[in-house]
Amino acid sequence: MKNFNYKVYYTYRQSFPKIKGSKEKLVKKNINLSFDSEPSEYEIEDKVKEWINSLQREVMSDIDTNIEFAEIVKVQKLKVVKGIDDVSSTGW
């Protein structure tokens, strides 16, 4: 069982390269993550980047949208919540 659960608020840049005149926009989202041991800021950021990269590969490329990680806004430790422990098995 994962003992360290976090809600991570992050931003990413979204663009639509095939739409003429479209502007890049900054999108704020959140994700629940879980870890076996207390993670460092780097480990949390790395997992969010991995999540965004998997979204880009598996979903956004099909609809001609580019997304790129911008920053971690806030990290909130949760008491009892299920989080994503393996980004590759999320089914996106």
N, C-alpha and C. Protein backbone atom coordinates (compact mmCIF):
# COMPACT_ATOMS: atom_id res chain seq x y z
N MET A 1 0.84 -1.18 0.00
CA MET A 1 0.00 0.00 0.00
C MET A 1 0.88 1.25 0.00
N LYS A 2 0.48 2.23 -0.77
CA LYS A 2 1.21 3.50 -0.85
C LYS A 2 0.82 4.35 0.35
N ASN A 3 1.84 4.83 1.07
CA ASN A 3 1.59 5.59 2.29
C ASN A 3 1.72 7.09 2.13
N PHE A 4 2.26 7.54 1.02
CA PHE A 4 2.48 8.97 0.83
C PHE A 4 1.67 9.43 -0.38
N ASN A 5 0.57 10.11 -0.12
CA ASN A 5 -0.35 10.55 -1.17
C ASN A 5 -0.37 12.07 -1.24
N TYR A 6 -0.36 12.58 -2.47
CA TYR A 6 -0.29 14.02 -2.68
C TYR A 6 -1.26 14.45 -3.76
N LYS A 7 -1.80 15.65 -3.61
CA LYS A 7 -2.52 16.31 -4.70
C LYS A 7 -1.55 17.38 -5.19
N VAL A 8 -1.21 17.30 -6.47
CA VAL A 8 -0.23 18.20 -7.05
C VAL A 8 -0.94 19.10 -8.06
N TYR A 9 -0.85 20.39 -7.85
CA TYR A 9 -1.38 21.38 -8.77
C TYR A 9 -0.23 21.81 -9.67
N TYR A 10 -0.46 21.77 -10.99
CA TYR A 10 0.61 22.08 -11.93
C TYR A 10 0.04 22.83 -13.12
N THR A 11 0.92 23.42 -13.90
CA THR A 11 0.50 24.09 -15.13
C THR A 11 1.26 23.50 -16.30
N TYR A 12 0.61 23.59 -17.45
CA TYR A 12 1.28 23.21 -18.70
C TYR A 12 0.86 24.16 -19.80
N ARG A 13 1.72 24.24 -20.82
CA ARG A 13 1.42 25.08 -21.98
C ARG A 13 0.76 24.21 -23.04
N GLN A 14 -0.29 24.73 -23.64
CA GLN A 14 -1.03 23.99 -24.67
C GLN A 14 -1.07 24.83 -25.93
N SER A 15 -0.75 24.19 -27.06
CA SER A 15 -0.79 24.90 -28.34
C SER A 15 -1.43 24.01 -29.39
N PHE A 16 -1.92 24.66 -30.41
CA PHE A 16 -2.57 23.97 -31.53
C PHE A 16 -1.82 24.36 -32.81
N PRO A 17 -0.74 23.64 -33.15
CA PRO A 17 0.12 24.07 -34.24
C PRO A 17 -0.54 24.10 -35.62
N LYS A 18 -1.58 23.32 -35.86
CA LYS A 18 -2.20 23.28 -37.18
C LYS A 18 -3.30 24.31 -37.36
N ILE A 19 -3.64 25.04 -36.30
CA ILE A 19 -4.67 26.07 -36.40
C ILE A 19 -3.98 27.42 -36.53
N LYS A 20 -4.19 28.05 -37.67
CA LYS A 20 -3.55 29.33 -37.95
C LYS A 20 -4.05 30.39 -36.98
N GLY A 21 -3.13 31.15 -36.42
CA GLY A 21 -3.50 32.24 -35.52
C GLY A 21 -3.81 31.81 -34.09
N SER A 22 -3.73 30.52 -33.80
CA SER A 22 -4.02 30.09 -32.42
C SER A 22 -2.86 30.48 -31.51
N LYS A 23 -3.19 30.81 -30.29
CA LYS A 23 -2.19 31.22 -29.32
C LYS A 23 -1.98 30.12 -28.30
N GLU A 24 -0.75 30.07 -27.79
CA GLU A 24 -0.43 29.13 -26.72
C GLU A 24 -1.13 29.60 -25.45
N LYS A 25 -1.69 28.65 -24.69
CA LYS A 25 -2.32 29.04 -23.44
C LYS A 25 -1.77 28.22 -22.29
N LEU A 26 -1.82 28.79 -21.11
CA LEU A 26 -1.35 28.13 -19.90
C LEU A 26 -2.55 27.51 -19.20
N VAL A 27 -2.48 26.21 -18.93
CA VAL A 27 -3.59 25.47 -18.33
C VAL A 27 -3.17 24.99 -16.94
N LYS A 28 -4.05 25.18 -15.95
CA LYS A 28 -3.78 24.72 -14.58
C LYS A 28 -4.62 23.49 -14.31
N LYS A 29 -3.98 22.42 -13.84
CA LYS A 29 -4.65 21.15 -13.53
C LYS A 29 -4.11 20.61 -12.22
N ASN A 30 -4.69 19.49 -11.78
CA ASN A 30 -4.15 18.80 -10.62
C ASN A 30 -4.23 17.30 -10.84
N ILE A 31 -3.43 16.57 -10.08
CA ILE A 31 -3.37 15.13 -10.18
C ILE A 31 -3.06 14.57 -8.80
N ASN A 32 -3.62 13.41 -8.48
CA ASN A 32 -3.29 12.72 -7.24
C ASN A 32 -2.18 11.71 -7.53
N LEU A 33 -1.13 11.74 -6.72
CA LEU A 33 0.00 10.82 -6.88
C LEU A 33 0.26 10.11 -5.57
N SER A 34 0.78 8.89 -5.66
CA SER A 34 1.14 8.17 -4.44
C SER A 34 2.55 7.62 -4.58
N PHE A 35 3.23 7.50 -3.44
CA PHE A 35 4.61 7.06 -3.39
C PHE A 35 4.78 6.07 -2.24
N ASP A 36 5.76 5.19 -2.37
CA ASP A 36 6.08 4.23 -1.30
C ASP A 36 6.81 4.90 -0.14
N SER A 37 7.62 5.90 -0.45
CA SER A 37 8.37 6.61 0.58
C SER A 37 8.23 8.11 0.34
N GLU A 38 8.63 8.89 1.32
CA GLU A 38 8.51 10.35 1.23
C GLU A 38 9.28 10.85 0.00
N PRO A 39 8.60 11.46 -0.97
CA PRO A 39 9.28 11.90 -2.19
C PRO A 39 9.93 13.28 -2.04
N SER A 40 10.96 13.50 -2.83
CA SER A 40 11.56 14.83 -2.90
C SER A 40 10.75 15.67 -3.89
N GLU A 41 11.01 16.96 -3.92
CA GLU A 41 10.34 17.83 -4.89
C GLU A 41 10.66 17.37 -6.31
N TYR A 42 11.90 16.95 -6.52
CA TYR A 42 12.32 16.47 -7.83
C TYR A 42 11.51 15.24 -8.26
N GLU A 43 11.29 14.30 -7.34
CA GLU A 43 10.54 13.08 -7.66
C GLU A 43 9.08 13.40 -8.01
N ILE A 44 8.50 14.34 -7.30
CA ILE A 44 7.12 14.75 -7.58
C ILE A 44 7.05 15.40 -8.96
N GLU A 45 7.96 16.33 -9.23
CA GLU A 45 7.98 17.01 -10.52
C GLU A 45 8.24 16.02 -11.65
N ASP A 46 9.13 15.07 -11.43
CA ASP A 46 9.45 14.06 -12.44
C ASP A 46 8.22 13.22 -12.79
N LYS A 47 7.44 12.86 -11.78
CA LYS A 47 6.23 12.06 -12.02
C LYS A 47 5.17 12.86 -12.78
N VAL A 48 5.05 14.15 -12.48
CA VAL A 48 4.10 15.00 -13.21
C VAL A 48 4.55 15.15 -14.66
N LYS A 49 5.85 15.36 -14.88
CA LYS A 49 6.37 15.46 -16.24
C LYS A 49 6.12 14.17 -17.01
N GLU A 50 6.31 13.04 -16.35
CA GLU A 50 6.07 11.74 -16.99
C GLU A 50 4.59 11.61 -17.37
N TRP A 51 3.69 12.08 -16.51
CA TRP A 51 2.26 12.06 -16.76
C TRP A 51 1.92 12.91 -17.99
N ILE A 52 2.46 14.12 -18.05
CA ILE A 52 2.20 15.01 -19.18
C ILE A 52 2.76 14.44 -20.47
N ASN A 53 3.95 13.87 -20.41
CA ASN A 53 4.55 13.25 -21.60
C ASN A 53 3.71 12.09 -22.11
N SER A 54 3.15 11.29 -21.19
CA SER A 54 2.30 10.18 -21.62
C SER A 54 1.00 10.70 -22.23
N LEU A 55 0.45 11.78 -21.70
CA LEU A 55 -0.74 12.40 -22.30
C LEU A 55 -0.43 12.89 -23.72
N GLN A 56 0.73 13.52 -23.87
CA GLN A 56 1.12 14.03 -25.19
C GLN A 56 1.24 12.88 -26.20
N ARG A 57 1.90 11.82 -25.79
CA ARG A 57 2.11 10.67 -26.69
C ARG A 57 0.82 9.96 -27.04
N GLU A 58 -0.02 9.71 -26.04
CA GLU A 58 -1.15 8.82 -26.23
C GLU A 58 -2.47 9.51 -26.58
N VAL A 59 -2.63 10.77 -26.23
CA VAL A 59 -3.91 11.44 -26.44
C VAL A 59 -3.78 12.68 -27.33
N MET A 60 -2.95 13.60 -26.92
CA MET A 60 -2.90 14.90 -27.57
C MET A 60 -2.37 14.83 -29.00
N SER A 61 -1.45 13.93 -29.28
CA SER A 61 -0.92 13.83 -30.64
C SER A 61 -2.02 13.43 -31.63
N ASP A 62 -3.00 12.67 -31.16
CA ASP A 62 -4.11 12.26 -32.03
C ASP A 62 -5.01 13.43 -32.41
N ILE A 63 -5.07 14.46 -31.57
CA ILE A 63 -5.94 15.60 -31.86
C ILE A 63 -5.13 16.85 -32.23
N ASP A 64 -3.89 16.65 -32.64
CA ASP A 64 -3.02 17.74 -33.09
C ASP A 64 -2.89 18.88 -32.08
N THR A 65 -2.64 18.51 -30.85
CA THR A 65 -2.41 19.46 -29.77
C THR A 65 -1.07 19.15 -29.12
N ASN A 66 -0.31 20.17 -28.83
CA ASN A 66 0.96 19.99 -28.12
C ASN A 66 0.81 20.50 -26.70
N ILE A 67 1.30 19.72 -25.73
CA ILE A 67 1.33 20.18 -24.35
C ILE A 67 2.74 20.01 -23.82
N GLU A 68 3.13 20.93 -22.95
CA GLU A 68 4.46 20.93 -22.38
C GLU A 68 4.39 21.40 -20.93
N PHE A 69 5.03 20.67 -20.03
CA PHE A 69 5.05 21.01 -18.61
C PHE A 69 5.56 22.42 -18.41
N ALA A 70 4.92 23.17 -17.49
CA ALA A 70 5.38 24.52 -17.16
C ALA A 70 5.96 24.55 -15.74
N GLU A 71 5.12 24.26 -14.72
CA GLU A 71 5.63 24.30 -13.35
C GLU A 71 4.67 23.64 -12.37
N ILE A 72 5.22 23.30 -11.21
CA ILE A 72 4.42 22.83 -10.08
C ILE A 72 3.95 24.09 -9.34
N VAL A 73 2.66 24.20 -9.12
CA VAL A 73 2.12 25.37 -8.44
C VAL A 73 2.06 25.12 -6.94
N LYS A 74 1.53 23.95 -6.56
CA LYS A 74 1.34 23.65 -5.14
C LYS A 74 1.30 22.14 -4.96
N VAL A 75 1.83 21.67 -3.84
CA VAL A 75 1.77 20.25 -3.49
C VAL A 75 1.08 20.15 -2.14
N GLN A 76 0.03 19.34 -2.09
CA GLN A 76 -0.75 19.19 -0.86
C GLN A 76 -0.70 17.72 -0.45
N LYS A 77 -0.25 17.45 0.77
CA LYS A 77 -0.21 16.08 1.27
C LYS A 77 -1.61 15.65 1.67
N LEU A 78 -2.01 14.47 1.23
CA LEU A 78 -3.34 13.95 1.52
C LEU A 78 -3.26 12.85 2.57
N LYS A 79 -4.33 12.65 3.29
CA LYS A 79 -4.34 11.61 4.32
C LYS A 79 -4.66 10.25 3.74
N VAL A 80 -5.84 10.05 3.19
CA VAL A 80 -6.22 8.76 2.64
C VAL A 80 -6.86 8.97 1.27
N VAL A 81 -6.09 8.73 0.23
CA VAL A 81 -6.58 8.90 -1.14
C VAL A 81 -5.78 7.95 -2.03
N LYS A 82 -6.43 7.39 -3.01
CA LYS A 82 -5.70 6.59 -3.97
C LYS A 82 -5.11 7.52 -5.02
N GLY A 83 -3.85 7.34 -5.31
CA GLY A 83 -3.19 8.15 -6.33
C GLY A 83 -2.63 7.26 -7.41
N ILE A 84 -2.13 7.87 -8.45
CA ILE A 84 -1.52 7.11 -9.54
C ILE A 84 -0.13 6.69 -9.10
N ASP A 85 0.15 5.39 -9.12
CA ASP A 85 1.48 4.93 -8.76
C ASP A 85 2.27 4.52 -9.98
N ASP A 86 1.63 4.22 -11.08
CA ASP A 86 2.34 3.89 -12.30
C ASP A 86 1.66 4.61 -13.45
N VAL A 87 2.28 5.65 -13.95
CA VAL A 87 1.68 6.49 -14.98
C VAL A 87 1.40 5.69 -16.24
N SER A 88 2.22 4.71 -16.55
CA SER A 88 2.04 3.95 -17.78
C SER A 88 0.80 3.05 -17.76
N SER A 89 0.24 2.79 -16.59
CA SER A 89 -0.91 1.90 -16.50
C SER A 89 -2.22 2.64 -16.25
N THR A 90 -2.27 3.93 -16.56
CA THR A 90 -3.46 4.72 -16.26
C THR A 90 -4.57 4.53 -17.27
N GLY A 91 -4.29 3.97 -18.42
CA GLY A 91 -5.33 3.70 -19.38
C GLY A 91 -5.68 4.88 -20.27
N TRP A 92 -4.89 5.94 -20.25
CA TRP A 92 -5.13 7.05 -21.15
C TRP A 92 -4.83 6.56 -22.51
